[in-house]
């Protein structure tokens, strides 16, 4: 009877040992950290710009901020206000970091009121000239137009068509003005035949 008991006991230990070898422990999983999404908006007030962070982090981690204003200055606030010293075009960079990952958002902004550029092309057919405005304003402002056709006639249209009364050489000028009074003038000498 002792032999049967001993064989039975050994069989149980072997079965338990075999089963415990089959049961593997699950390795601890490392949580995946998603990178934050960097984004921002800006509102310009001449030389001062209010920046608003619109970044997000899917994991809900707290973010740190580093703004580079492209004028030699940086800021680590979430929603900074920055005043530029000179008119111009600047590439602003926001870097957000969640402690593990970071992401960058970049935008080009135009600060201050820049001077528009007056340009035009034309086509001549007999005494009639079709003028086509090619002027632009770096701030995207609407422009007003003042054409001087070189014969004493002026016009305020953007793309005028004008018929001269006589052949000749005419100095045509176009002056463009933005809503803030910044102007530019260009002049072209043309021969009408």
N, C-alpha and C. Protein backbone atom coordinates (compact mmCIF):
# COMPACT_ATOMS: atom_id res chain seq x y z
N UNK A 1 0.81 -1.17 0.00
CA UNK A 1 0.00 0.00 0.00
C UNK A 1 0.86 1.25 0.00
N UNK A 2 2.00 1.16 0.68
CA UNK A 2 2.89 2.31 0.71
C UNK A 2 3.42 2.61 -0.67
N UNK A 3 3.67 1.55 -1.46
CA UNK A 3 4.20 1.76 -2.79
C UNK A 3 3.17 2.48 -3.67
N UNK A 4 1.91 2.07 -3.56
CA UNK A 4 0.88 2.71 -4.37
C UNK A 4 0.72 4.17 -3.97
N UNK A 5 0.76 4.42 -2.68
CA UNK A 5 0.64 5.80 -2.19
C UNK A 5 1.81 6.64 -2.68
N UNK A 6 3.01 6.09 -2.61
CA UNK A 6 4.20 6.80 -3.03
C UNK A 6 4.17 7.05 -4.53
N UNK A 7 3.78 6.06 -5.31
CA UNK A 7 3.69 6.23 -6.77
C UNK A 7 2.61 7.26 -7.09
N UNK A 8 1.51 7.22 -6.40
CA UNK A 8 0.44 8.21 -6.62
C UNK A 8 0.90 9.62 -6.27
N UNK A 9 1.65 9.74 -5.20
CA UNK A 9 2.15 11.05 -4.77
C UNK A 9 3.16 11.59 -5.77
N UNK A 10 4.05 10.72 -6.26
CA UNK A 10 5.03 11.14 -7.27
C UNK A 10 4.30 11.55 -8.54
N UNK A 11 3.26 10.81 -8.91
CA UNK A 11 2.49 11.15 -10.11
C UNK A 11 1.84 12.52 -9.98
N UNK A 12 1.35 12.83 -8.81
CA UNK A 12 0.72 14.14 -8.58
C UNK A 12 1.76 15.25 -8.70
N UNK A 13 2.94 15.04 -8.10
CA UNK A 13 3.99 16.07 -8.19
C UNK A 13 4.45 16.27 -9.64
N UNK A 14 4.55 15.17 -10.39
CA UNK A 14 4.93 15.28 -11.80
C UNK A 14 3.86 16.03 -12.59
N UNK A 15 2.61 15.75 -12.32
CA UNK A 15 1.52 16.43 -13.00
C UNK A 15 1.52 17.92 -12.66
N UNK A 16 1.71 18.24 -11.39
CA UNK A 16 1.75 19.65 -10.98
C UNK A 16 2.95 20.34 -11.61
N UNK A 17 4.10 19.68 -11.62
CA UNK A 17 5.30 20.26 -12.24
C UNK A 17 5.11 20.49 -13.72
N UNK A 18 4.47 19.55 -14.40
CA UNK A 18 4.23 19.69 -15.84
C UNK A 18 3.26 20.83 -16.10
N UNK A 19 2.20 20.89 -15.31
CA UNK A 19 1.21 21.96 -15.49
C UNK A 19 1.80 23.32 -15.17
N UNK A 20 2.64 23.42 -14.17
CA UNK A 20 3.21 24.72 -13.83
C UNK A 20 4.16 25.19 -14.93
N UNK A 21 4.79 24.24 -15.64
CA UNK A 21 5.63 24.62 -16.76
C UNK A 21 4.82 25.15 -17.92
N UNK A 22 3.57 24.74 -18.03
CA UNK A 22 2.69 25.21 -19.11
C UNK A 22 2.14 26.59 -18.83
N UNK A 23 2.06 26.93 -17.59
CA UNK A 23 1.50 28.24 -17.23
C UNK A 23 2.63 29.26 -17.20
N UNK A 24 2.69 30.08 -18.22
CA UNK A 24 3.72 31.11 -18.25
C UNK A 24 3.11 32.41 -17.76
N UNK A 25 3.93 33.15 -17.10
CA UNK A 25 3.47 34.45 -16.64
C UNK A 25 3.48 35.43 -17.80
N UNK A 26 2.46 36.27 -17.84
CA UNK A 26 2.40 37.32 -18.85
C UNK A 26 3.46 38.36 -18.52
N UNK A 27 4.26 38.79 -19.53
CA UNK A 27 5.23 39.84 -19.25
C UNK A 27 4.49 41.15 -18.99
N UNK A 28 5.08 41.99 -18.16
CA UNK A 28 4.46 43.28 -17.89
C UNK A 28 4.48 44.11 -19.16
N UNK A 29 3.33 44.70 -19.50
CA UNK A 29 3.29 45.51 -20.72
C UNK A 29 3.69 46.95 -20.38
N UNK A 30 4.47 47.52 -21.27
CA UNK A 30 4.88 48.91 -21.12
C UNK A 30 3.85 49.77 -21.84
N UNK A 31 3.27 50.76 -21.15
CA UNK A 31 2.26 51.58 -21.82
C UNK A 31 2.89 52.35 -22.99
N UNK A 32 2.14 52.43 -24.08
CA UNK A 32 2.62 53.16 -25.25
C UNK A 32 2.28 54.63 -25.07
N UNK A 33 3.27 55.48 -25.30
CA UNK A 33 3.05 56.92 -25.20
C UNK A 33 2.96 57.49 -26.61
N UNK A 34 1.83 58.10 -26.91
CA UNK A 34 1.66 58.76 -28.20
C UNK A 34 2.25 60.15 -28.15
N UNK A 35 2.87 60.56 -29.23
CA UNK A 35 3.44 61.91 -29.30
C UNK A 35 2.30 62.93 -29.28
N UNK A 36 2.53 64.08 -28.68
CA UNK A 36 1.50 65.13 -28.70
C UNK A 36 1.38 65.72 -30.10
N UNK A 37 0.28 66.41 -30.34
CA UNK A 37 0.07 67.12 -31.61
C UNK A 37 0.25 68.61 -31.34
N UNK A 38 1.23 69.23 -31.98
CA UNK A 38 1.49 70.66 -31.80
C UNK A 38 0.69 71.46 -32.81
N UNK A 39 0.03 72.51 -32.33
CA UNK A 39 -0.68 73.43 -33.23
C UNK A 39 -0.95 74.72 -32.48
N UNK A 40 -1.16 75.80 -33.24
CA UNK A 40 -1.45 77.09 -32.62
C UNK A 40 -2.13 78.01 -33.62
N UNK A 41 -2.76 79.04 -33.07
CA UNK A 41 -3.33 80.11 -33.87
C UNK A 41 -2.65 81.40 -33.45
N UNK A 42 -2.81 82.42 -34.28
CA UNK A 42 -2.22 83.71 -33.95
C UNK A 42 -3.16 84.83 -34.37
N UNK A 43 -3.12 85.91 -33.62
CA UNK A 43 -3.90 87.10 -33.94
C UNK A 43 -2.93 88.27 -33.91
N UNK A 44 -2.84 88.98 -35.04
CA UNK A 44 -1.88 90.07 -35.17
C UNK A 44 -2.53 91.41 -34.88
N UNK A 45 -1.82 92.21 -34.13
CA UNK A 45 -2.20 93.59 -33.85
C UNK A 45 -0.99 94.44 -34.19
N UNK A 46 -0.82 94.73 -35.48
CA UNK A 46 0.32 95.46 -36.01
C UNK A 46 1.61 94.74 -35.66
N UNK A 47 2.36 95.19 -34.66
CA UNK A 47 3.65 94.58 -34.32
C UNK A 47 3.53 93.55 -33.20
N UNK A 48 2.38 93.49 -32.54
CA UNK A 48 2.17 92.55 -31.43
C UNK A 48 1.33 91.37 -31.92
N UNK A 49 1.73 90.18 -31.49
CA UNK A 49 1.02 88.97 -31.91
C UNK A 49 0.62 88.18 -30.67
N UNK A 50 -0.67 87.85 -30.57
CA UNK A 50 -1.16 86.96 -29.51
C UNK A 50 -1.17 85.54 -30.07
N UNK A 51 -0.40 84.66 -29.44
CA UNK A 51 -0.35 83.26 -29.86
C UNK A 51 -1.21 82.43 -28.91
N UNK A 52 -2.02 81.54 -29.47
CA UNK A 52 -2.87 80.66 -28.67
C UNK A 52 -2.53 79.22 -29.00
N UNK A 53 -2.11 78.48 -27.99
CA UNK A 53 -1.79 77.06 -28.15
C UNK A 53 -3.08 76.27 -28.35
N UNK A 54 -3.10 75.43 -29.37
CA UNK A 54 -4.24 74.52 -29.61
C UNK A 54 -3.74 73.08 -29.68
N UNK A 55 -2.59 72.82 -29.06
CA UNK A 55 -1.99 71.48 -29.07
C UNK A 55 -2.82 70.52 -28.23
N UNK A 56 -2.61 69.22 -28.48
CA UNK A 56 -3.31 68.20 -27.70
C UNK A 56 -2.38 67.01 -27.48
N UNK A 57 -2.72 66.22 -26.46
CA UNK A 57 -1.99 64.99 -26.17
C UNK A 57 -3.02 63.90 -25.92
N UNK A 58 -3.03 62.89 -26.78
CA UNK A 58 -4.03 61.82 -26.70
C UNK A 58 -3.95 61.06 -25.38
N UNK A 59 -2.78 61.04 -24.76
CA UNK A 59 -2.61 60.33 -23.49
C UNK A 59 -2.98 61.18 -22.28
N UNK A 60 -3.27 62.45 -22.52
CA UNK A 60 -3.63 63.34 -21.42
C UNK A 60 -2.44 63.81 -20.60
N UNK A 61 -1.24 63.66 -21.12
CA UNK A 61 -0.05 64.11 -20.39
C UNK A 61 0.03 65.63 -20.38
N UNK A 62 0.62 66.17 -19.32
CA UNK A 62 0.89 67.60 -19.27
C UNK A 62 1.95 67.93 -20.31
N UNK A 63 1.81 69.08 -20.93
CA UNK A 63 2.74 69.49 -21.98
C UNK A 63 3.61 70.64 -21.52
N UNK A 64 4.82 70.69 -22.05
CA UNK A 64 5.67 71.88 -21.91
C UNK A 64 5.79 72.50 -23.29
N UNK A 65 6.08 73.80 -23.32
CA UNK A 65 6.04 74.56 -24.55
C UNK A 65 7.36 75.30 -24.76
N UNK A 66 7.78 75.39 -26.01
CA UNK A 66 8.91 76.23 -26.37
C UNK A 66 8.58 76.90 -27.70
N UNK A 67 8.45 78.22 -27.64
CA UNK A 67 8.15 79.02 -28.82
C UNK A 67 9.44 79.66 -29.30
N UNK A 68 9.66 79.64 -30.61
CA UNK A 68 10.77 80.36 -31.24
C UNK A 68 10.14 81.34 -32.22
N UNK A 69 10.33 82.65 -31.96
CA UNK A 69 9.66 83.69 -32.74
C UNK A 69 10.44 84.14 -33.97
N UNK A 70 11.59 83.53 -34.24
CA UNK A 70 12.40 83.81 -35.43
C UNK A 70 12.99 85.22 -35.43
N UNK A 71 13.07 85.82 -34.26
CA UNK A 71 13.73 87.12 -34.15
C UNK A 71 14.80 87.09 -33.06
N UNK A 72 15.23 85.88 -32.70
CA UNK A 72 16.25 85.73 -31.66
C UNK A 72 15.69 85.54 -30.27
N UNK A 73 14.36 85.51 -30.13
CA UNK A 73 13.76 85.33 -28.81
C UNK A 73 12.92 84.06 -28.77
N UNK A 74 12.81 83.51 -27.55
CA UNK A 74 11.99 82.33 -27.30
C UNK A 74 11.12 82.58 -26.08
N UNK A 75 10.14 81.68 -25.85
CA UNK A 75 9.24 81.81 -24.71
C UNK A 75 8.73 80.42 -24.36
N UNK A 76 8.54 80.15 -23.05
CA UNK A 76 8.04 78.83 -22.64
C UNK A 76 6.63 78.88 -22.06
N UNK A 77 5.90 79.97 -22.30
CA UNK A 77 4.50 80.07 -21.87
C UNK A 77 3.61 79.27 -22.81
N UNK A 78 2.42 78.94 -22.33
CA UNK A 78 1.48 78.22 -23.19
C UNK A 78 0.89 79.15 -24.24
N UNK A 79 0.50 80.36 -23.85
CA UNK A 79 -0.15 81.31 -24.75
C UNK A 79 0.55 82.67 -24.67
N UNK A 80 1.71 82.80 -25.30
CA UNK A 80 2.46 84.05 -25.16
C UNK A 80 1.93 85.17 -26.04
N UNK A 81 2.27 86.39 -25.64
CA UNK A 81 2.06 87.58 -26.44
C UNK A 81 3.46 88.09 -26.77
N UNK A 82 3.73 88.32 -28.06
CA UNK A 82 5.07 88.73 -28.46
C UNK A 82 5.00 89.98 -29.31
N UNK A 83 5.87 90.94 -29.03
CA UNK A 83 5.94 92.17 -29.82
C UNK A 83 7.24 92.17 -30.62
N UNK A 84 7.09 92.27 -31.91
CA UNK A 84 8.26 92.34 -32.80
C UNK A 84 8.74 93.78 -32.90
N UNK A 85 10.01 93.95 -33.16
CA UNK A 85 10.60 95.29 -33.27
C UNK A 85 10.56 95.78 -34.71
N UNK A 86 10.66 94.86 -35.67
CA UNK A 86 10.70 95.25 -37.07
C UNK A 86 9.58 94.58 -37.87
N UNK A 87 9.04 95.33 -38.85
CA UNK A 87 8.11 94.73 -39.82
C UNK A 87 8.83 93.58 -40.51
N UNK A 88 8.08 92.59 -40.92
CA UNK A 88 8.72 91.53 -41.69
C UNK A 88 7.97 90.23 -41.66
N UNK A 89 8.56 89.25 -42.31
CA UNK A 89 8.02 87.90 -42.37
C UNK A 89 8.82 87.03 -41.43
N UNK A 90 8.14 86.31 -40.55
CA UNK A 90 8.80 85.49 -39.53
C UNK A 90 8.23 84.07 -39.57
N UNK A 91 9.10 83.10 -39.33
CA UNK A 91 8.68 81.70 -39.22
C UNK A 91 8.66 81.35 -37.74
N UNK A 92 7.46 81.18 -37.19
CA UNK A 92 7.28 80.90 -35.77
C UNK A 92 7.18 79.39 -35.58
N UNK A 93 7.92 78.88 -34.58
CA UNK A 93 7.93 77.45 -34.31
C UNK A 93 7.49 77.19 -32.88
N UNK A 94 6.53 76.28 -32.71
CA UNK A 94 6.10 75.82 -31.39
C UNK A 94 6.50 74.36 -31.25
N UNK A 95 7.27 74.06 -30.19
CA UNK A 95 7.63 72.67 -29.87
C UNK A 95 6.91 72.31 -28.58
N UNK A 96 6.11 71.24 -28.60
CA UNK A 96 5.44 70.76 -27.39
C UNK A 96 6.04 69.41 -27.02
N UNK A 97 6.15 69.19 -25.71
CA UNK A 97 6.78 67.96 -25.20
C UNK A 97 5.90 67.43 -24.07
N UNK A 98 5.66 66.10 -24.08
CA UNK A 98 4.84 65.49 -23.03
C UNK A 98 5.69 64.73 -22.01
N UNK A 99 7.00 64.99 -22.00
CA UNK A 99 7.89 64.32 -21.07
C UNK A 99 8.62 63.16 -21.70
N UNK A 100 8.07 62.63 -22.79
CA UNK A 100 8.69 61.51 -23.50
C UNK A 100 8.84 61.82 -24.99
N UNK A 101 7.78 62.32 -25.57
CA UNK A 101 7.76 62.61 -27.01
C UNK A 101 7.55 64.11 -27.21
N UNK A 102 7.95 64.60 -28.40
CA UNK A 102 7.69 65.99 -28.74
C UNK A 102 7.21 66.09 -30.17
N UNK A 103 6.60 67.24 -30.49
CA UNK A 103 6.09 67.50 -31.82
C UNK A 103 6.26 68.99 -32.08
N UNK A 104 6.37 69.35 -33.36
CA UNK A 104 6.64 70.74 -33.75
C UNK A 104 5.59 71.22 -34.73
N UNK A 105 5.17 72.48 -34.57
CA UNK A 105 4.29 73.14 -35.53
C UNK A 105 4.96 74.45 -35.95
N UNK A 106 4.94 74.74 -37.25
CA UNK A 106 5.61 75.94 -37.77
C UNK A 106 4.64 76.70 -38.66
N UNK A 107 4.64 78.03 -38.52
CA UNK A 107 3.83 78.90 -39.38
C UNK A 107 4.64 80.12 -39.76
N UNK A 108 4.38 80.64 -40.95
CA UNK A 108 4.99 81.89 -41.39
C UNK A 108 3.96 82.99 -41.21
N UNK A 109 4.37 84.07 -40.54
CA UNK A 109 3.47 85.20 -40.31
C UNK A 109 4.12 86.47 -40.84
N UNK A 110 3.28 87.43 -41.18
CA UNK A 110 3.75 88.75 -41.62
C UNK A 110 3.35 89.74 -40.56
N UNK A 111 4.34 90.44 -40.02
CA UNK A 111 4.12 91.35 -38.90
C UNK A 111 4.29 92.78 -39.38
N UNK A 112 3.41 93.65 -38.89
CA UNK A 112 3.49 95.06 -39.27
C UNK A 112 2.88 95.26 -40.65
N UNK A 113 2.80 96.50 -41.04
CA UNK A 113 2.23 96.82 -42.34
C UNK A 113 3.37 97.02 -43.34
N UNK A 114 3.48 96.10 -44.27
CA UNK A 114 4.52 96.18 -45.28
C UNK A 114 4.01 96.93 -46.50
N UNK A 115 4.93 97.53 -47.24
CA UNK A 115 4.58 98.33 -48.41
C UNK A 115 4.12 97.42 -49.55
N UNK A 116 3.01 97.80 -50.22
CA UNK A 116 2.59 97.01 -51.38
C UNK A 116 3.55 97.24 -52.55
N UNK A 117 3.41 96.41 -53.57
CA UNK A 117 4.24 96.55 -54.78
C UNK A 117 3.33 96.78 -55.97
N UNK A 118 3.58 97.88 -56.70
CA UNK A 118 2.80 98.21 -57.90
C UNK A 118 3.46 97.58 -59.12
N UNK A 119 2.68 96.83 -59.87
CA UNK A 119 3.16 96.21 -61.12
C UNK A 119 1.98 96.08 -62.07
N UNK A 120 2.27 96.18 -63.37
CA UNK A 120 1.22 95.93 -64.35
C UNK A 120 1.83 95.49 -65.67
N UNK A 121 1.00 94.87 -66.49
CA UNK A 121 1.35 94.55 -67.86
C UNK A 121 0.28 95.17 -68.74
N UNK A 122 0.53 95.20 -70.06
CA UNK A 122 -0.45 95.81 -70.95
C UNK A 122 -0.37 95.16 -72.33
N UNK A 123 -1.47 95.31 -73.08
CA UNK A 123 -1.54 94.90 -74.48
C UNK A 123 -2.09 96.08 -75.28
N UNK A 124 -1.45 96.34 -76.42
CA UNK A 124 -1.88 97.46 -77.28
C UNK A 124 -2.49 96.90 -78.56
N UNK A 125 -3.66 97.43 -78.91
CA UNK A 125 -4.29 97.11 -80.20
C UNK A 125 -4.78 98.42 -80.78
N UNK A 126 -4.09 98.88 -81.83
CA UNK A 126 -4.34 100.20 -82.41
C UNK A 126 -4.12 101.26 -81.33
N UNK A 127 -5.12 102.05 -81.02
CA UNK A 127 -4.99 103.09 -79.99
C UNK A 127 -5.52 102.64 -78.63
N UNK A 128 -6.03 101.41 -78.56
CA UNK A 128 -6.63 100.92 -77.32
C UNK A 128 -5.63 100.06 -76.55
N UNK A 129 -5.50 100.37 -75.27
CA UNK A 129 -4.56 99.64 -74.41
C UNK A 129 -5.35 98.97 -73.29
N UNK A 130 -5.12 97.68 -73.12
CA UNK A 130 -5.72 96.92 -72.01
C UNK A 130 -4.65 96.75 -70.94
N UNK A 131 -4.90 97.31 -69.77
CA UNK A 131 -3.96 97.23 -68.65
C UNK A 131 -4.39 96.11 -67.71
N UNK A 132 -3.43 95.34 -67.26
CA UNK A 132 -3.72 94.26 -66.31
C UNK A 132 -2.85 94.46 -65.07
N UNK A 133 -3.52 94.66 -63.94
CA UNK A 133 -2.83 94.86 -62.67
C UNK A 133 -2.15 93.58 -62.21
N UNK A 134 -0.91 93.69 -61.78
CA UNK A 134 -0.15 92.57 -61.20
C UNK A 134 0.40 92.96 -59.83
N UNK A 135 -0.19 93.99 -59.23
CA UNK A 135 0.27 94.48 -57.92
C UNK A 135 -0.06 93.48 -56.83
N UNK A 136 0.66 93.58 -55.73
CA UNK A 136 0.37 92.71 -54.59
C UNK A 136 0.73 93.41 -53.29
N UNK A 137 0.06 92.95 -52.25
CA UNK A 137 0.31 93.47 -50.90
C UNK A 137 0.74 92.29 -50.03
N UNK A 138 1.94 92.35 -49.43
CA UNK A 138 2.42 91.21 -48.64
C UNK A 138 1.53 90.88 -47.44
N UNK A 139 0.75 91.86 -46.97
CA UNK A 139 -0.16 91.61 -45.86
C UNK A 139 -1.52 91.08 -46.33
N UNK A 140 -1.73 91.06 -47.64
CA UNK A 140 -3.01 90.60 -48.17
C UNK A 140 -4.10 91.65 -48.12
N UNK A 141 -3.72 92.92 -47.89
CA UNK A 141 -4.71 93.99 -47.83
C UNK A 141 -5.25 94.30 -49.22
N UNK A 142 -6.50 94.79 -49.26
CA UNK A 142 -7.07 95.28 -50.51
C UNK A 142 -6.39 96.59 -50.88
N UNK A 143 -6.17 96.79 -52.16
CA UNK A 143 -5.48 97.98 -52.63
C UNK A 143 -6.44 98.88 -53.39
N UNK A 144 -6.12 100.18 -53.40
CA UNK A 144 -6.80 101.11 -54.29
C UNK A 144 -5.81 101.48 -55.38
N UNK A 145 -6.33 101.89 -56.54
CA UNK A 145 -5.51 102.09 -57.73
C UNK A 145 -5.69 103.50 -58.26
N UNK A 146 -4.58 104.07 -58.72
CA UNK A 146 -4.61 105.36 -59.40
C UNK A 146 -3.71 105.24 -60.63
N UNK A 147 -4.35 105.24 -61.80
CA UNK A 147 -3.63 105.17 -63.07
C UNK A 147 -3.52 106.57 -63.65
N UNK A 148 -2.37 106.90 -64.18
CA UNK A 148 -2.17 108.13 -64.96
C UNK A 148 -1.69 107.65 -66.33
N UNK A 149 -2.52 107.86 -67.35
CA UNK A 149 -2.22 107.32 -68.68
C UNK A 149 -1.22 108.15 -69.46
N UNK A 150 -0.71 109.21 -68.87
CA UNK A 150 0.34 110.01 -69.51
C UNK A 150 -0.17 111.05 -70.48
N UNK A 151 -1.48 111.19 -70.58
CA UNK A 151 -2.06 112.21 -71.47
C UNK A 151 -3.01 113.12 -70.69
N UNK A 152 -2.88 113.10 -69.36
CA UNK A 152 -3.75 113.93 -68.53
C UNK A 152 -4.98 113.20 -68.02
N UNK A 153 -5.17 111.95 -68.42
CA UNK A 153 -6.33 111.18 -67.99
C UNK A 153 -5.93 110.26 -66.84
N UNK A 154 -6.78 110.22 -65.80
CA UNK A 154 -6.55 109.31 -64.68
C UNK A 154 -7.73 108.35 -64.56
N UNK A 155 -7.49 107.23 -63.84
CA UNK A 155 -8.52 106.20 -63.71
C UNK A 155 -8.27 105.46 -62.40
N UNK A 156 -9.36 105.00 -61.75
CA UNK A 156 -9.24 104.28 -60.48
C UNK A 156 -9.61 102.80 -60.57
N UNK A 157 -9.77 102.27 -61.77
CA UNK A 157 -10.10 100.85 -61.92
C UNK A 157 -8.87 99.99 -61.67
N UNK A 158 -9.11 98.73 -61.37
CA UNK A 158 -7.98 97.81 -61.18
C UNK A 158 -7.37 97.41 -62.52
N UNK A 159 -8.21 97.12 -63.49
CA UNK A 159 -7.75 96.66 -64.81
C UNK A 159 -8.44 97.48 -65.91
N UNK A 160 -8.03 98.72 -66.11
CA UNK A 160 -8.73 99.57 -67.08
C UNK A 160 -8.38 99.23 -68.53
N UNK A 161 -9.29 99.60 -69.40
CA UNK A 161 -9.05 99.59 -70.85
C UNK A 161 -9.18 101.04 -71.29
N UNK A 162 -8.14 101.55 -71.96
CA UNK A 162 -8.13 102.97 -72.32
C UNK A 162 -7.80 103.14 -73.79
N UNK A 163 -8.54 104.04 -74.45
CA UNK A 163 -8.29 104.35 -75.85
C UNK A 163 -7.70 105.75 -75.95
N UNK A 164 -6.47 105.82 -76.49
CA UNK A 164 -5.80 107.11 -76.70
C UNK A 164 -6.39 107.78 -77.93
N UNK A 165 -6.27 109.10 -77.98
CA UNK A 165 -6.80 109.85 -79.12
C UNK A 165 -5.76 110.04 -80.22
N UNK A 166 -4.49 109.78 -79.89
CA UNK A 166 -3.43 109.97 -80.89
C UNK A 166 -2.28 109.00 -80.63
N UNK A 167 -1.57 108.68 -81.71
CA UNK A 167 -0.34 107.90 -81.56
C UNK A 167 0.66 108.71 -80.75
N UNK A 168 1.60 107.99 -80.11
CA UNK A 168 2.64 108.71 -79.38
C UNK A 168 3.29 107.84 -78.32
N UNK A 169 4.24 108.46 -77.63
CA UNK A 169 4.92 107.80 -76.51
C UNK A 169 4.30 108.34 -75.23
N UNK A 170 3.86 107.42 -74.37
CA UNK A 170 3.18 107.82 -73.13
C UNK A 170 3.86 107.15 -71.93
N UNK A 171 4.04 107.94 -70.89
CA UNK A 171 4.55 107.40 -69.62
C UNK A 171 3.35 107.11 -68.73
N UNK A 172 3.06 105.83 -68.56
CA UNK A 172 1.90 105.41 -67.77
C UNK A 172 2.38 105.06 -66.36
N UNK A 173 1.71 105.62 -65.36
CA UNK A 173 2.06 105.30 -63.97
C UNK A 173 0.87 104.66 -63.27
N UNK A 174 1.20 103.72 -62.40
CA UNK A 174 0.21 103.09 -61.53
C UNK A 174 0.67 103.28 -60.10
N UNK A 175 -0.20 103.85 -59.27
CA UNK A 175 0.07 103.98 -57.84
C UNK A 175 -0.95 103.13 -57.10
N UNK A 176 -0.46 102.25 -56.23
CA UNK A 176 -1.35 101.44 -55.40
C UNK A 176 -1.18 101.87 -53.95
N UNK A 177 -2.29 101.82 -53.21
CA UNK A 177 -2.30 102.25 -51.81
C UNK A 177 -3.05 101.22 -50.98
N UNK A 178 -2.47 100.86 -49.82
CA UNK A 178 -3.17 99.93 -48.93
C UNK A 178 -4.04 100.72 -47.95
N UNK A 179 -4.88 100.06 -47.15
CA UNK A 179 -5.78 100.77 -46.25
C UNK A 179 -5.07 101.61 -45.18
N UNK A 180 -3.77 101.40 -45.00
CA UNK A 180 -3.04 102.13 -43.96
C UNK A 180 -2.18 103.25 -44.53
N UNK A 181 -2.36 103.52 -45.82
CA UNK A 181 -1.67 104.64 -46.44
C UNK A 181 -0.31 104.31 -47.05
N UNK A 182 0.11 103.07 -47.00
CA UNK A 182 1.39 102.70 -47.64
C UNK A 182 1.16 102.62 -49.14
N UNK A 183 2.08 103.24 -49.92
CA UNK A 183 1.90 103.29 -51.36
C UNK A 183 3.16 102.85 -52.10
N UNK A 184 2.95 102.51 -53.36
CA UNK A 184 4.05 102.22 -54.27
C UNK A 184 3.60 102.64 -55.66
N UNK A 185 4.56 103.13 -56.45
CA UNK A 185 4.28 103.59 -57.81
C UNK A 185 5.25 102.95 -58.78
N UNK A 186 4.73 102.59 -59.93
CA UNK A 186 5.58 102.11 -61.02
C UNK A 186 5.21 102.88 -62.28
N UNK A 187 6.20 103.06 -63.16
CA UNK A 187 5.97 103.80 -64.41
C UNK A 187 6.56 103.01 -65.57
N UNK A 188 5.81 102.97 -66.67
CA UNK A 188 6.27 102.31 -67.89
C UNK A 188 6.07 103.27 -69.06
N UNK A 189 7.11 103.39 -69.88
CA UNK A 189 6.99 104.17 -71.11
C UNK A 189 6.55 103.23 -72.22
N UNK A 190 5.50 103.62 -72.94
CA UNK A 190 5.02 102.77 -74.02
C UNK A 190 4.71 103.60 -75.25
N UNK A 191 4.80 102.94 -76.38
CA UNK A 191 4.54 103.60 -77.66
C UNK A 191 3.21 103.09 -78.21
N UNK A 192 2.32 104.01 -78.46
CA UNK A 192 1.01 103.68 -79.02
C UNK A 192 1.02 104.10 -80.48
N UNK A 193 0.72 103.15 -81.39
CA UNK A 193 0.71 103.46 -82.83
C UNK A 193 -0.56 102.96 -83.48
